[in-house]
N, C-alpha and C. Protein backbone atom coordinates (compact mmCIF):
# COMPACT_ATOMS: atom_id res chain seq x y z
N MET A 1 48.27 42.11 67.52
CA MET A 1 48.38 43.24 66.62
C MET A 1 49.37 42.97 65.50
N ALA A 2 50.49 42.37 65.84
CA ALA A 2 51.53 42.15 64.84
C ALA A 2 51.31 40.85 64.08
N GLY A 3 50.60 39.90 64.70
CA GLY A 3 50.42 38.61 64.06
C GLY A 3 51.49 37.62 64.44
N TYR A 4 52.38 38.01 65.32
CA TYR A 4 53.42 37.10 65.80
C TYR A 4 53.82 37.52 67.21
N LEU A 5 54.52 36.64 67.90
CA LEU A 5 54.93 36.92 69.27
C LEU A 5 56.17 37.80 69.31
N PRO A 6 56.32 38.61 70.35
CA PRO A 6 57.53 39.43 70.46
C PRO A 6 58.76 38.58 70.74
N PHE A 7 58.57 37.40 71.33
CA PHE A 7 59.68 36.50 71.64
C PHE A 7 59.46 35.22 70.85
N ASP A 8 60.33 34.91 69.93
CA ASP A 8 60.18 33.69 69.13
C ASP A 8 61.56 33.13 68.84
N GLU A 9 61.96 32.17 69.63
CA GLU A 9 63.28 31.56 69.47
C GLU A 9 63.12 30.06 69.30
N LEU A 10 64.11 29.43 68.70
CA LEU A 10 64.04 28.00 68.45
C LEU A 10 64.28 27.17 69.70
N ASP A 11 65.12 27.67 70.62
CA ASP A 11 65.36 26.90 71.84
C ASP A 11 64.83 27.66 73.05
N LEU A 12 64.39 26.89 74.05
CA LEU A 12 63.75 27.48 75.22
C LEU A 12 64.70 28.34 76.05
N THR A 13 65.98 27.99 76.11
CA THR A 13 66.93 28.76 76.91
C THR A 13 67.02 30.19 76.40
N THR A 14 67.18 30.35 75.11
CA THR A 14 67.26 31.69 74.51
C THR A 14 65.92 32.40 74.66
N LEU A 15 64.83 31.68 74.47
CA LEU A 15 63.50 32.27 74.60
C LEU A 15 63.30 32.83 76.01
N TYR A 16 63.58 32.02 77.03
CA TYR A 16 63.40 32.47 78.41
C TYR A 16 64.33 33.63 78.75
N SER A 17 65.54 33.59 78.24
CA SER A 17 66.50 34.66 78.48
C SER A 17 65.98 35.99 77.91
N LYS A 18 65.45 35.94 76.70
CA LYS A 18 64.92 37.17 76.09
C LYS A 18 63.68 37.67 76.84
N ILE A 19 62.83 36.75 77.27
CA ILE A 19 61.64 37.15 78.03
C ILE A 19 62.06 37.79 79.35
N GLU A 20 63.04 37.19 80.03
CA GLU A 20 63.50 37.71 81.32
C GLU A 20 64.06 39.13 81.18
N ARG A 21 64.76 39.41 80.09
CA ARG A 21 65.34 40.74 79.86
C ARG A 21 64.37 41.69 79.14
N ALA A 22 63.21 41.18 78.73
CA ALA A 22 62.27 41.95 77.91
C ALA A 22 62.98 42.46 76.67
N ASP A 23 63.73 41.57 76.03
CA ASP A 23 64.50 41.89 74.83
C ASP A 23 63.62 41.64 73.60
N PHE A 24 62.93 42.69 73.15
CA PHE A 24 62.04 42.57 72.00
C PHE A 24 61.91 43.93 71.34
N SER A 25 61.35 43.93 70.14
CA SER A 25 61.07 45.20 69.46
C SER A 25 59.69 45.10 68.83
N CYS A 26 59.06 46.25 68.70
CA CYS A 26 57.73 46.31 68.08
C CYS A 26 57.88 46.68 66.61
N PRO A 27 56.98 46.21 65.76
CA PRO A 27 57.02 46.59 64.35
C PRO A 27 56.91 48.10 64.18
N SER A 28 57.48 48.62 63.12
CA SER A 28 57.51 50.07 62.89
C SER A 28 56.12 50.66 62.69
N TRP A 29 55.16 49.87 62.25
CA TRP A 29 53.83 50.42 61.99
C TRP A 29 52.97 50.54 63.25
N PHE A 30 53.46 50.07 64.39
CA PHE A 30 52.70 50.21 65.64
C PHE A 30 52.62 51.68 66.04
N PRO A 31 51.46 52.13 66.52
CA PRO A 31 51.36 53.49 67.04
C PRO A 31 52.24 53.65 68.28
N VAL A 32 52.69 54.88 68.52
CA VAL A 32 53.56 55.16 69.67
C VAL A 32 52.88 54.74 70.97
N GLY A 33 51.58 55.03 71.10
CA GLY A 33 50.84 54.66 72.31
C GLY A 33 50.81 53.16 72.54
N ALA A 34 50.68 52.39 71.46
CA ALA A 34 50.66 50.93 71.57
C ALA A 34 52.03 50.41 71.99
N LYS A 35 53.09 50.96 71.39
CA LYS A 35 54.46 50.54 71.76
C LYS A 35 54.72 50.81 73.23
N SER A 36 54.33 51.99 73.68
CA SER A 36 54.54 52.36 75.08
C SER A 36 53.80 51.39 76.01
N LEU A 37 52.55 51.10 75.69
CA LEU A 37 51.75 50.20 76.52
C LEU A 37 52.35 48.79 76.54
N ILE A 38 52.78 48.29 75.40
CA ILE A 38 53.36 46.95 75.33
C ILE A 38 54.65 46.88 76.15
N HIS A 39 55.49 47.91 76.04
CA HIS A 39 56.73 47.92 76.83
C HIS A 39 56.42 47.95 78.33
N ARG A 40 55.37 48.67 78.72
CA ARG A 40 55.00 48.71 80.14
C ARG A 40 54.41 47.38 80.61
N ILE A 41 53.68 46.69 79.74
CA ILE A 41 53.10 45.39 80.09
C ILE A 41 54.20 44.33 80.22
N LEU A 42 55.19 44.37 79.33
CA LEU A 42 56.25 43.35 79.33
C LEU A 42 57.46 43.75 80.17
N ASP A 43 57.31 44.76 81.00
CA ASP A 43 58.39 45.19 81.89
C ASP A 43 58.77 44.03 82.81
N PRO A 44 60.05 43.61 82.82
CA PRO A 44 60.44 42.46 83.64
C PRO A 44 60.43 42.75 85.15
N ASN A 45 60.40 44.01 85.53
CA ASN A 45 60.38 44.37 86.95
C ASN A 45 58.94 44.47 87.43
N PRO A 46 58.49 43.56 88.31
CA PRO A 46 57.10 43.60 88.76
C PRO A 46 56.74 44.87 89.53
N GLN A 47 57.74 45.54 90.10
CA GLN A 47 57.47 46.77 90.85
C GLN A 47 57.09 47.93 89.93
N THR A 48 57.64 47.96 88.72
CA THR A 48 57.36 49.06 87.79
C THR A 48 56.43 48.65 86.66
N ARG A 49 56.06 47.37 86.60
CA ARG A 49 55.16 46.88 85.55
C ARG A 49 53.77 47.50 85.71
N ILE A 50 53.11 47.77 84.61
CA ILE A 50 51.78 48.38 84.61
C ILE A 50 50.75 47.41 85.21
N THR A 51 49.78 47.95 85.94
CA THR A 51 48.73 47.13 86.54
C THR A 51 47.53 47.05 85.59
N ILE A 52 46.61 46.16 85.90
CA ILE A 52 45.40 46.01 85.08
C ILE A 52 44.61 47.32 85.08
N GLU A 53 44.49 47.95 86.23
CA GLU A 53 43.76 49.22 86.30
C GLU A 53 44.43 50.29 85.44
N GLN A 54 45.75 50.32 85.46
CA GLN A 54 46.47 51.30 84.63
C GLN A 54 46.28 50.99 83.15
N ILE A 55 46.24 49.72 82.80
CA ILE A 55 45.99 49.35 81.41
C ILE A 55 44.61 49.82 80.99
N ARG A 56 43.62 49.57 81.85
CA ARG A 56 42.25 49.97 81.53
C ARG A 56 42.09 51.47 81.40
N SER A 57 42.92 52.24 82.07
CA SER A 57 42.80 53.70 81.97
C SER A 57 43.77 54.30 80.95
N ASP A 58 44.57 53.47 80.29
CA ASP A 58 45.53 53.96 79.30
C ASP A 58 44.78 54.58 78.11
N GLU A 59 45.28 55.73 77.64
CA GLU A 59 44.63 56.46 76.55
C GLU A 59 44.55 55.62 75.27
N TRP A 60 45.66 54.97 74.90
CA TRP A 60 45.65 54.19 73.67
C TRP A 60 44.72 52.98 73.80
N PHE A 61 44.73 52.33 74.95
CA PHE A 61 43.89 51.15 75.18
C PHE A 61 42.42 51.49 75.02
N ASN A 62 42.02 52.67 75.46
CA ASN A 62 40.61 53.07 75.41
C ASN A 62 40.20 53.70 74.09
N LYS A 63 41.13 53.94 73.20
CA LYS A 63 40.82 54.57 71.91
C LYS A 63 39.91 53.65 71.09
N GLY A 64 38.71 54.08 70.83
CA GLY A 64 37.76 53.30 70.05
C GLY A 64 37.17 52.11 70.80
N TYR A 65 37.36 52.04 72.10
CA TYR A 65 36.88 50.90 72.89
C TYR A 65 35.36 50.95 73.03
N VAL A 66 34.73 49.84 72.74
CA VAL A 66 33.29 49.69 72.94
C VAL A 66 33.11 48.48 73.85
N PRO A 67 32.49 48.67 75.02
CA PRO A 67 32.32 47.54 75.95
C PRO A 67 31.59 46.37 75.28
N VAL A 68 31.98 45.18 75.64
CA VAL A 68 31.39 43.97 75.08
C VAL A 68 30.02 43.74 75.70
N ARG A 69 29.06 43.42 74.84
CA ARG A 69 27.73 43.05 75.33
C ARG A 69 27.68 41.53 75.41
N LEU A 70 27.32 41.03 76.57
CA LEU A 70 27.24 39.58 76.74
C LEU A 70 25.94 39.06 76.12
N LEU A 71 26.05 38.01 75.35
CA LEU A 71 24.89 37.39 74.73
C LEU A 71 24.51 36.15 75.52
N GLU A 72 23.23 35.81 75.47
CA GLU A 72 22.78 34.62 76.18
C GLU A 72 23.30 33.35 75.53
N TYR A 73 23.42 33.37 74.24
CA TYR A 73 23.94 32.21 73.53
C TYR A 73 24.68 32.71 72.30
N GLU A 74 25.49 31.84 71.77
CA GLU A 74 26.25 32.18 70.58
C GLU A 74 26.02 31.09 69.54
N ASP A 75 25.58 31.51 68.35
CA ASP A 75 25.40 30.54 67.27
C ASP A 75 26.77 30.11 66.77
N ILE A 76 26.96 28.83 66.68
CA ILE A 76 28.23 28.30 66.19
C ILE A 76 28.04 27.92 64.73
N ASN A 77 28.86 28.49 63.88
CA ASN A 77 28.80 28.20 62.46
C ASN A 77 30.02 27.34 62.11
N LEU A 78 29.78 26.14 61.67
CA LEU A 78 30.87 25.21 61.39
C LEU A 78 31.38 25.30 59.96
N ASP A 79 31.02 26.35 59.23
CA ASP A 79 31.48 26.49 57.84
C ASP A 79 32.99 26.48 57.73
N GLU A 80 33.66 27.12 58.69
CA GLU A 80 35.12 27.19 58.61
C GLU A 80 35.75 25.81 58.79
N VAL A 81 35.22 25.03 59.70
CA VAL A 81 35.73 23.67 59.91
C VAL A 81 35.42 22.82 58.68
N ASN A 82 34.19 22.92 58.21
CA ASN A 82 33.78 22.12 57.05
C ASN A 82 34.54 22.51 55.79
N ALA A 83 34.93 23.78 55.68
CA ALA A 83 35.64 24.25 54.48
C ALA A 83 36.95 23.50 54.31
N VAL A 84 37.60 23.16 55.40
CA VAL A 84 38.87 22.45 55.32
C VAL A 84 38.65 21.00 54.90
N PHE A 85 37.54 20.41 55.34
CA PHE A 85 37.33 18.98 55.09
C PHE A 85 36.37 18.68 53.95
N ASP A 86 35.69 19.70 53.42
CA ASP A 86 34.76 19.47 52.32
C ASP A 86 35.49 18.97 51.08
N ASP A 87 34.78 18.17 50.33
CA ASP A 87 35.31 17.69 49.05
C ASP A 87 35.25 18.83 48.05
N PRO A 88 36.38 19.21 47.45
CA PRO A 88 36.37 20.35 46.53
C PRO A 88 35.56 20.07 45.27
N GLU A 89 35.26 18.81 45.00
CA GLU A 89 34.51 18.47 43.80
C GLU A 89 33.00 18.59 44.00
N VAL A 90 32.57 18.95 45.23
CA VAL A 90 31.14 19.12 45.49
C VAL A 90 30.63 20.21 44.57
N ASP A 91 29.44 20.00 44.05
CA ASP A 91 28.86 20.95 43.10
C ASP A 91 28.84 22.36 43.68
N LYS A 92 29.40 23.31 42.93
CA LYS A 92 29.50 24.70 43.38
C LYS A 92 28.11 25.28 43.63
N GLU A 93 27.13 24.91 42.79
CA GLU A 93 25.77 25.44 42.98
C GLU A 93 25.21 25.02 44.32
N GLU A 94 25.50 23.79 44.72
CA GLU A 94 25.01 23.28 45.99
C GLU A 94 25.56 24.12 47.15
N ARG A 95 26.84 24.47 47.08
CA ARG A 95 27.45 25.30 48.12
C ARG A 95 26.91 26.72 48.09
N ASP A 96 26.69 27.25 46.88
CA ASP A 96 26.20 28.62 46.75
C ASP A 96 24.79 28.77 47.29
N ASN A 97 23.99 27.70 47.23
CA ASN A 97 22.61 27.77 47.69
C ASN A 97 22.49 27.62 49.20
N GLU A 98 23.57 27.21 49.85
CA GLU A 98 23.54 27.05 51.30
C GLU A 98 23.60 28.42 51.96
N PRO A 99 22.69 28.71 52.88
CA PRO A 99 22.78 29.99 53.59
C PRO A 99 23.86 29.91 54.65
N SER A 100 24.91 30.68 54.49
CA SER A 100 26.00 30.62 55.47
C SER A 100 25.91 31.75 56.48
N GLY A 101 25.42 32.91 56.05
CA GLY A 101 25.23 34.01 56.98
C GLY A 101 26.51 34.68 57.43
N ASN A 102 27.67 34.32 56.85
CA ASN A 102 28.91 34.96 57.30
C ASN A 102 29.81 35.34 56.14
N GLU A 103 29.23 35.78 55.02
CA GLU A 103 30.04 36.13 53.87
C GLU A 103 31.05 37.22 54.19
N ASP A 104 30.65 38.21 54.97
CA ASP A 104 31.54 39.32 55.26
C ASP A 104 32.16 39.21 56.64
N MET A 105 32.21 37.99 57.16
CA MET A 105 32.71 37.80 58.52
C MET A 105 34.19 38.12 58.63
N GLY A 106 34.98 37.85 57.60
CA GLY A 106 36.40 38.14 57.64
C GLY A 106 37.19 36.98 58.21
N PRO A 107 38.51 37.11 58.17
CA PRO A 107 39.35 36.03 58.69
C PRO A 107 39.23 35.94 60.21
N LEU A 108 39.57 34.79 60.74
CA LEU A 108 39.53 34.59 62.18
C LEU A 108 40.58 35.46 62.87
N SER A 109 40.25 35.93 64.05
CA SER A 109 41.22 36.68 64.85
C SER A 109 41.97 35.70 65.73
N LEU A 110 43.23 35.98 65.97
CA LEU A 110 44.03 35.15 66.85
C LEU A 110 44.09 35.78 68.23
N ASN A 111 43.92 34.97 69.27
CA ASN A 111 44.10 35.50 70.61
C ASN A 111 45.51 35.14 71.09
N ALA A 112 45.83 35.52 72.31
CA ALA A 112 47.18 35.31 72.84
C ALA A 112 47.56 33.83 72.85
N PHE A 113 46.61 32.96 73.18
CA PHE A 113 46.91 31.53 73.23
C PHE A 113 47.21 30.97 71.84
N ASP A 114 46.48 31.45 70.83
CA ASP A 114 46.76 31.03 69.45
C ASP A 114 48.17 31.42 69.05
N LEU A 115 48.58 32.64 69.41
CA LEU A 115 49.92 33.11 69.06
C LEU A 115 51.00 32.32 69.80
N ILE A 116 50.75 31.98 71.06
CA ILE A 116 51.73 31.20 71.83
C ILE A 116 51.93 29.84 71.18
N ILE A 117 50.86 29.22 70.73
CA ILE A 117 50.96 27.91 70.07
C ILE A 117 51.79 28.01 68.80
N LEU A 118 51.74 29.17 68.12
CA LEU A 118 52.50 29.35 66.88
C LEU A 118 54.00 29.50 67.13
N SER A 119 54.40 29.79 68.36
CA SER A 119 55.81 30.01 68.66
C SER A 119 56.61 28.71 68.51
N GLN A 120 57.73 28.78 67.81
CA GLN A 120 58.58 27.60 67.61
C GLN A 120 59.03 27.01 68.95
N GLY A 121 59.47 27.86 69.87
CA GLY A 121 60.01 27.39 71.13
C GLY A 121 58.97 26.79 72.06
N LEU A 122 57.71 27.15 71.88
CA LEU A 122 56.66 26.66 72.76
C LEU A 122 55.80 25.58 72.10
N ASN A 123 56.17 25.15 70.92
CA ASN A 123 55.41 24.13 70.20
C ASN A 123 55.66 22.77 70.83
N LEU A 124 54.64 22.21 71.47
CA LEU A 124 54.77 20.93 72.16
C LEU A 124 54.41 19.74 71.27
N ALA A 125 54.08 19.99 70.02
CA ALA A 125 53.65 18.92 69.12
C ALA A 125 54.71 17.84 68.97
N THR A 126 55.99 18.23 69.02
CA THR A 126 57.05 17.24 68.84
C THR A 126 57.06 16.21 69.98
N LEU A 127 56.57 16.58 71.15
CA LEU A 127 56.51 15.63 72.26
C LEU A 127 55.50 14.53 71.99
N PHE A 128 54.44 14.86 71.25
CA PHE A 128 53.36 13.91 71.03
C PHE A 128 53.44 13.23 69.67
N ASP A 129 54.20 13.79 68.74
CA ASP A 129 54.25 13.27 67.38
C ASP A 129 55.49 12.43 67.10
N ARG A 130 56.21 12.01 68.12
CA ARG A 130 57.41 11.21 67.90
C ARG A 130 57.06 9.91 67.21
N GLY A 131 57.92 9.53 66.28
CA GLY A 131 57.72 8.26 65.59
C GLY A 131 56.76 8.33 64.42
N LYS A 132 56.17 9.47 64.19
CA LYS A 132 55.26 9.59 63.05
C LYS A 132 56.08 9.94 61.82
N ASP A 133 55.69 9.35 60.70
CA ASP A 133 56.44 9.55 59.47
C ASP A 133 56.17 10.90 58.83
N ASN A 134 54.97 11.43 59.01
CA ASN A 134 54.67 12.69 58.34
C ASN A 134 55.18 13.88 59.15
N MET A 135 55.69 14.86 58.45
CA MET A 135 56.19 16.07 59.11
C MET A 135 55.32 17.23 58.68
N LYS A 136 55.07 18.14 59.59
CA LYS A 136 54.30 19.33 59.27
C LYS A 136 55.25 20.51 59.20
N TYR A 137 55.20 21.20 58.10
CA TYR A 137 56.01 22.39 57.92
C TYR A 137 55.09 23.59 58.01
N GLN A 138 55.57 24.62 58.65
CA GLN A 138 54.75 25.80 58.84
C GLN A 138 55.58 27.04 58.54
N THR A 139 55.02 27.92 57.76
CA THR A 139 55.67 29.19 57.47
C THR A 139 54.69 30.28 57.85
N ARG A 140 55.16 31.26 58.60
CA ARG A 140 54.31 32.37 59.02
C ARG A 140 54.87 33.66 58.47
N PHE A 141 54.00 34.60 58.22
CA PHE A 141 54.44 35.92 57.82
C PHE A 141 53.38 36.93 58.23
N VAL A 142 53.77 38.18 58.24
CA VAL A 142 52.88 39.27 58.60
C VAL A 142 52.75 40.18 57.40
N SER A 143 51.55 40.65 57.14
CA SER A 143 51.31 41.55 56.02
C SER A 143 50.35 42.65 56.46
N GLN A 144 50.57 43.83 55.93
CA GLN A 144 49.64 44.92 56.20
C GLN A 144 48.47 44.89 55.22
N LYS A 145 48.54 44.02 54.24
CA LYS A 145 47.47 43.89 53.25
C LYS A 145 46.32 43.09 53.84
N PRO A 146 45.10 43.35 53.39
CA PRO A 146 43.95 42.56 53.87
C PRO A 146 44.10 41.09 53.46
N ALA A 147 43.51 40.21 54.26
CA ALA A 147 43.61 38.77 54.00
C ALA A 147 43.11 38.42 52.61
N ARG A 148 42.07 39.08 52.15
CA ARG A 148 41.51 38.80 50.82
C ARG A 148 42.55 39.06 49.72
N VAL A 149 43.32 40.14 49.86
CA VAL A 149 44.35 40.49 48.87
C VAL A 149 45.49 39.47 48.90
N VAL A 150 45.90 39.08 50.11
CA VAL A 150 46.99 38.10 50.25
C VAL A 150 46.58 36.77 49.63
N LEU A 151 45.37 36.29 49.94
CA LEU A 151 44.91 35.02 49.38
C LEU A 151 44.79 35.10 47.86
N SER A 152 44.31 36.21 47.35
CA SER A 152 44.18 36.38 45.91
C SER A 152 45.54 36.31 45.22
N SER A 153 46.54 36.96 45.82
CA SER A 153 47.90 36.92 45.26
C SER A 153 48.46 35.50 45.28
N MET A 154 48.23 34.79 46.39
CA MET A 154 48.71 33.41 46.49
C MET A 154 48.00 32.51 45.48
N GLU A 155 46.73 32.78 45.25
CA GLU A 155 45.97 32.00 44.28
C GLU A 155 46.55 32.18 42.88
N VAL A 156 46.87 33.41 42.51
CA VAL A 156 47.45 33.68 41.19
C VAL A 156 48.76 32.93 41.01
N VAL A 157 49.61 32.96 42.04
CA VAL A 157 50.90 32.27 41.97
C VAL A 157 50.71 30.76 41.86
N ALA A 158 49.84 30.20 42.70
CA ALA A 158 49.61 28.75 42.69
C ALA A 158 49.06 28.29 41.34
N GLN A 159 48.11 29.05 40.79
CA GLN A 159 47.53 28.68 39.50
C GLN A 159 48.55 28.80 38.38
N SER A 160 49.44 29.79 38.47
CA SER A 160 50.47 29.94 37.44
C SER A 160 51.47 28.78 37.48
N MET A 161 51.54 28.09 38.62
CA MET A 161 52.42 26.93 38.75
C MET A 161 51.70 25.63 38.41
N GLY A 162 50.43 25.73 38.00
CA GLY A 162 49.68 24.56 37.57
C GLY A 162 48.87 23.87 38.65
N TYR A 163 48.69 24.49 39.79
CA TYR A 163 47.93 23.88 40.88
C TYR A 163 46.48 24.34 40.83
N LYS A 164 45.58 23.48 41.32
CA LYS A 164 44.17 23.84 41.47
C LYS A 164 44.03 24.55 42.81
N THR A 165 43.19 25.56 42.87
CA THR A 165 42.98 26.27 44.13
C THR A 165 41.49 26.33 44.44
N HIS A 166 41.18 26.29 45.73
CA HIS A 166 39.80 26.40 46.20
C HIS A 166 39.83 27.34 47.40
N ILE A 167 39.10 28.46 47.31
CA ILE A 167 39.07 29.43 48.42
C ILE A 167 37.68 29.46 49.01
N ARG A 168 37.63 29.42 50.34
CA ARG A 168 36.36 29.51 51.06
C ARG A 168 36.63 29.97 52.48
N ASN A 169 35.91 30.96 52.92
CA ASN A 169 36.02 31.47 54.30
C ASN A 169 37.46 31.77 54.69
N TYR A 170 38.18 32.45 53.83
CA TYR A 170 39.55 32.89 54.09
C TYR A 170 40.52 31.72 54.28
N LYS A 171 40.19 30.59 53.71
CA LYS A 171 41.10 29.45 53.69
C LYS A 171 41.25 29.04 52.24
N MET A 172 42.44 28.65 51.85
CA MET A 172 42.68 28.24 50.48
C MET A 172 43.34 26.87 50.48
N ARG A 173 42.79 25.98 49.67
CA ARG A 173 43.38 24.66 49.49
C ARG A 173 44.06 24.66 48.13
N VAL A 174 45.31 24.22 48.11
CA VAL A 174 46.10 24.14 46.87
C VAL A 174 46.39 22.67 46.64
N GLU A 175 46.06 22.17 45.45
CA GLU A 175 46.26 20.75 45.15
C GLU A 175 46.83 20.58 43.75
N GLY A 176 47.56 19.50 43.58
CA GLY A 176 48.08 19.16 42.26
C GLY A 176 49.27 18.25 42.39
N PRO A 177 49.83 17.84 41.26
CA PRO A 177 51.01 16.98 41.31
C PRO A 177 52.20 17.75 41.87
N SER A 178 53.05 17.07 42.64
CA SER A 178 54.22 17.73 43.22
C SER A 178 55.23 18.05 42.12
N ALA A 179 56.28 18.75 42.48
CA ALA A 179 57.30 19.18 41.51
C ALA A 179 57.92 18.01 40.77
N ASN A 180 58.11 16.87 41.46
CA ASN A 180 58.73 15.71 40.81
C ASN A 180 57.71 14.83 40.08
N LYS A 181 56.43 15.21 40.13
CA LYS A 181 55.33 14.51 39.43
C LYS A 181 55.11 13.09 39.92
N ASN A 182 55.79 12.68 41.00
CA ASN A 182 55.64 11.32 41.51
C ASN A 182 54.66 11.24 42.68
N SER A 183 54.26 12.39 43.20
CA SER A 183 53.35 12.39 44.34
C SER A 183 52.38 13.56 44.20
N HIS A 184 51.43 13.60 45.11
CA HIS A 184 50.39 14.62 45.07
C HIS A 184 50.64 15.64 46.19
N LEU A 185 50.52 16.91 45.88
CA LEU A 185 50.70 17.98 46.86
C LEU A 185 49.34 18.51 47.28
N SER A 186 49.13 18.64 48.56
CA SER A 186 47.90 19.23 49.08
C SER A 186 48.27 20.11 50.26
N VAL A 187 47.93 21.40 50.17
CA VAL A 187 48.30 22.37 51.20
C VAL A 187 47.07 23.18 51.56
N ILE A 188 46.93 23.50 52.84
CA ILE A 188 45.85 24.38 53.29
C ILE A 188 46.48 25.65 53.84
N LEU A 189 46.02 26.79 53.34
CA LEU A 189 46.52 28.09 53.78
C LEU A 189 45.41 28.81 54.53
N GLU A 190 45.77 29.43 55.65
CA GLU A 190 44.81 30.23 56.41
C GLU A 190 45.34 31.62 56.54
């Protein structure tokens, strides 16, 4: 709901300590019912913590709930994966003529596992990336604005700084010479 984890610390000791005490706060825009449910779910005392059945019967949890219909198969559309790796110089007409079927699909939703991976303290990439020269920098933020508005604003800023931008399926690639003009900058925003 918030787009980030309630517990996000740089070191595991502090992270575990906060989790153990349930030391967190919810964003101000959360509904009262959602805040109450989250506090009951993250209750550190297993005796007073809410059960699955209680969650399922919670008034806020059931608000607007529509049971999921199971499908026999799911069509996998690789446009999002290809958008990151496609050559931006590919003829625009060629891309426009491709039937994608997901123009109004919207940005991807993050599940709990995606959010856990985003946590600084739980990021295991450093264990596997030792000795590599390239570093990955990541900045996260939360906005109440729709993804389309956020990307549009970022596009205006990037173009005003002289960078080329390419937007497709709620992903934006920013390219151009770096600030020192000695190297090339390429960034992907989701």
